[in-house]
Amino acid sequence: MREQKRKTNYMGWMPIQITEIISYLSKAHNWKSHGSDQIQTCGLKALPATHRHITNNFNEIIEETEKAADWFTTGITYLIPKSGDNKEVKTTELLHA
């Protein structure tokens, strides 16, 4: 029996729109822990002039990943078991490139 090749249609990438950034920020909690950029969500909500720049920066990073700063693509993940032996929990450093 011969295997047939399937045609796969990949969805083309569409740039992030400023309305998506605004929608996300409107749902985000104001005083939750901020990231390594040290910017609180309420600050981003209060400065709508930055929304265009945030949108452009995200699109540039997606299109050209080498433009992303190291802090943006590096993180530490802590694995927490739902149940079982806690001695098996290990810390893993993830690098996304």
C-alpha atoms as a PDB file:
ATOM      1  CA  MET A   1       0.000   0.000   0.000  1.00  0.00           C
ATOM      2  CA  ARG A   2       1.355   3.350  -0.996  1.00  0.00           C
ATOM      3  CA  GLU A   3       1.277   6.320   1.355  1.00  0.00           C
ATOM      4  CA  GLN A   4      -0.318   9.400  -0.111  1.00  0.00           C
ATOM      5  CA  LYS A   5       1.061  12.832   0.534  1.00  0.00           C
ATOM      6  CA  ARG A   6      -1.433  15.180   2.052  1.00  0.00           C
ATOM      7  CA  LYS A   7      -1.549  18.795   1.098  1.00  0.00           C
ATOM      8  CA  THR A   8      -1.343  20.995   4.145  1.00  0.00           C
ATOM      9  CA  ASN A   9      -2.502  24.564   4.007  1.00  0.00           C
ATOM     10  CA  TYR A  10      -0.578  26.694   6.442  1.00  0.00           C
ATOM     11  CA  MET A  11      -2.154  29.859   7.639  1.00  0.00           C
ATOM     12  CA  GLY A  12      -0.042  32.821   6.675  1.00  0.00           C
ATOM     13  CA  TRP A  13       1.269  35.071   9.420  1.00  0.00           C
ATOM     14  CA  MET A  14      -0.745  38.207   9.941  1.00  0.00           C
ATOM     15  CA  PRO A  15       0.814  41.110  11.849  1.00  0.00           C
ATOM     16  CA  ILE A  16      -0.534  41.912  15.290  1.00  0.00           C
ATOM     17  CA  GLN A  17      -2.978  44.800  15.182  1.00  0.00           C
ATOM     18  CA  ILE A  18      -3.052  47.688  17.661  1.00  0.00           C
ATOM     19  CA  THR A  19      -6.643  46.729  18.532  1.00  0.00           C
ATOM     20  CA  GLU A  20      -5.349  43.361  19.788  1.00  0.00           C
ATOM     21  CA  ILE A  21      -2.855  45.079  22.101  1.00  0.00           C
ATOM     22  CA  ILE A  22      -5.564  47.422  23.412  1.00  0.00           C
ATOM     23  CA  SER A  23      -7.938  44.491  23.954  1.00  0.00           C
ATOM     24  CA  TYR A  24      -5.301  42.542  25.881  1.00  0.00           C
ATOM     25  CA  LEU A  25      -4.361  45.505  28.053  1.00  0.00           C
ATOM     26  CA  SER A  26      -7.999  46.230  28.887  1.00  0.00           C
ATOM     27  CA  LYS A  27      -8.344  42.684  30.306  1.00  0.00           C
ATOM     28  CA  ALA A  28      -4.966  42.602  32.093  1.00  0.00           C
ATOM     29  CA  HIS A  29      -4.818  43.116  35.868  1.00  0.00           C
ATOM     30  CA  ASN A  30      -3.298  46.426  36.952  1.00  0.00           C
ATOM     31  CA  TRP A  31      -1.183  45.496  39.948  1.00  0.00           C
ATOM     32  CA  LYS A  32      -0.041  41.968  39.168  1.00  0.00           C
ATOM     33  CA  SER A  33       3.658  41.186  39.261  1.00  0.00           C
ATOM     34  CA  HIS A  34       5.483  42.973  36.473  1.00  0.00           C
ATOM     35  CA  GLY A  35       8.042  41.329  34.216  1.00  0.00           C
ATOM     36  CA  SER A  36      11.739  41.964  33.856  1.00  0.00           C
ATOM     37  CA  ASP A  37      10.953  45.220  32.029  1.00  0.00           C
ATOM     38  CA  GLN A  38       9.705  46.571  35.399  1.00  0.00           C
ATOM     39  CA  ILE A  39       6.619  48.163  33.800  1.00  0.00           C
ATOM     40  CA  GLN A  40       3.262  47.774  35.543  1.00  0.00           C
ATOM     41  CA  THR A  41       0.200  47.063  33.388  1.00  0.00           C
ATOM     42  CA  CYS A  42      -1.582  50.167  34.675  1.00  0.00           C
ATOM     43  CA  GLY A  43       1.260  52.264  33.258  1.00  0.00           C
ATOM     44  CA  LEU A  44       0.756  50.782  29.800  1.00  0.00           C
ATOM     45  CA  LYS A  45      -3.006  51.331  30.030  1.00  0.00           C
ATOM     46  CA  ALA A  46      -2.502  54.968  31.033  1.00  0.00           C
ATOM     47  CA  LEU A  47      -0.204  55.729  28.101  1.00  0.00           C
ATOM     48  CA  PRO A  48      -2.126  54.969  24.887  1.00  0.00           C
ATOM     49  CA  ALA A  49       0.609  56.665  22.847  1.00  0.00           C
ATOM     50  CA  THR A  50       2.779  53.602  23.564  1.00  0.00           C
ATOM     51  CA  HIS A  51       0.308  51.094  22.097  1.00  0.00           C
ATOM     52  CA  ARG A  52       1.450  51.742  18.519  1.00  0.00           C
ATOM     53  CA  HIS A  53       5.088  51.254  19.511  1.00  0.00           C
ATOM     54  CA  ILE A  54       4.335  48.058  21.449  1.00  0.00           C
ATOM     55  CA  THR A  55       2.492  46.679  18.427  1.00  0.00           C
ATOM     56  CA  ASN A  56       5.351  47.567  16.076  1.00  0.00           C
ATOM     57  CA  ASN A  57       7.946  46.050  18.425  1.00  0.00           C
ATOM     58  CA  PHE A  58       6.070  42.753  18.741  1.00  0.00           C
ATOM     59  CA  ASN A  59       5.687  42.525  14.964  1.00  0.00           C
ATOM     60  CA  GLU A  60       9.394  43.237  14.418  1.00  0.00           C
ATOM     61  CA  ILE A  61      10.387  40.571  16.948  1.00  0.00           C
ATOM     62  CA  ILE A  62       8.132  38.009  15.269  1.00  0.00           C
ATOM     63  CA  GLU A  63       9.452  38.857  11.804  1.00  0.00           C
ATOM     64  CA  GLU A  64      13.103  39.136  12.848  1.00  0.00           C
ATOM     65  CA  THR A  65      13.743  37.118  16.008  1.00  0.00           C
ATOM     66  CA  GLU A  66      17.335  38.344  16.322  1.00  0.00           C
ATOM     67  CA  LYS A  67      15.944  41.782  17.271  1.00  0.00           C
ATOM     68  CA  ALA A  68      14.592  40.366  20.535  1.00  0.00           C
ATOM     69  CA  ALA A  69      16.578  41.173  23.666  1.00  0.00           C
ATOM     70  CA  ASP A  70      17.933  38.233  25.685  1.00  0.00           C
ATOM     71  CA  TRP A  71      15.638  38.968  28.647  1.00  0.00           C
ATOM     72  CA  PHE A  72      12.658  38.672  26.296  1.00  0.00           C
ATOM     73  CA  THR A  73      13.497  35.115  25.201  1.00  0.00           C
ATOM     74  CA  THR A  74      15.063  33.629  28.341  1.00  0.00           C
ATOM     75  CA  GLY A  75      13.316  32.500  31.475  1.00  0.00           C
ATOM     76  CA  ILE A  76      13.349  30.109  34.399  1.00  0.00           C
ATOM     77  CA  THR A  77      10.490  27.684  34.820  1.00  0.00           C
ATOM     78  CA  TYR A  78       9.685  25.987  38.114  1.00  0.00           C
ATOM     79  CA  LEU A  79       7.940  22.658  37.759  1.00  0.00           C
ATOM     80  CA  ILE A  80       5.421  22.046  40.544  1.00  0.00           C
ATOM     81  CA  PRO A  81       3.826  18.604  40.818  1.00  0.00           C
ATOM     82  CA  LYS A  82       0.067  18.371  41.219  1.00  0.00           C
ATOM     83  CA  SER A  83       0.564  15.374  43.463  1.00  0.00           C
ATOM     84  CA  GLY A  84       3.199  12.803  44.272  1.00  0.00           C
ATOM     85  CA  ASP A  85       6.731  13.007  45.510  1.00  0.00           C
ATOM     86  CA  ASN A  86       7.974  16.606  45.769  1.00  0.00           C
ATOM     87  CA  LYS A  87      11.581  15.382  45.699  1.00  0.00           C
ATOM     88  CA  GLU A  88      11.218  14.803  41.970  1.00  0.00           C
ATOM     89  CA  VAL A  89      10.642  18.523  41.249  1.00  0.00           C
ATOM     90  CA  LYS A  90      13.528  20.134  39.403  1.00  0.00           C
ATOM     91  CA  THR A  91      14.177  23.661  38.179  1.00  0.00           C
ATOM     92  CA  THR A  92      14.750  23.921  34.453  1.00  0.00           C
ATOM     93  CA  GLU A  93      16.133  26.917  32.621  1.00  0.00           C
ATOM     94  CA  LEU A  94      14.515  27.344  29.226  1.00  0.00           C
ATOM     95  CA  LEU A  95      16.078  29.196  26.338  1.00  0.00           C
ATOM     96  CA  HIS A  96      13.770  30.143  23.491  1.00  0.00           C
ATOM     97  CA  ALA A  97      15.583  31.074  20.356  1.00  0.00           C
END
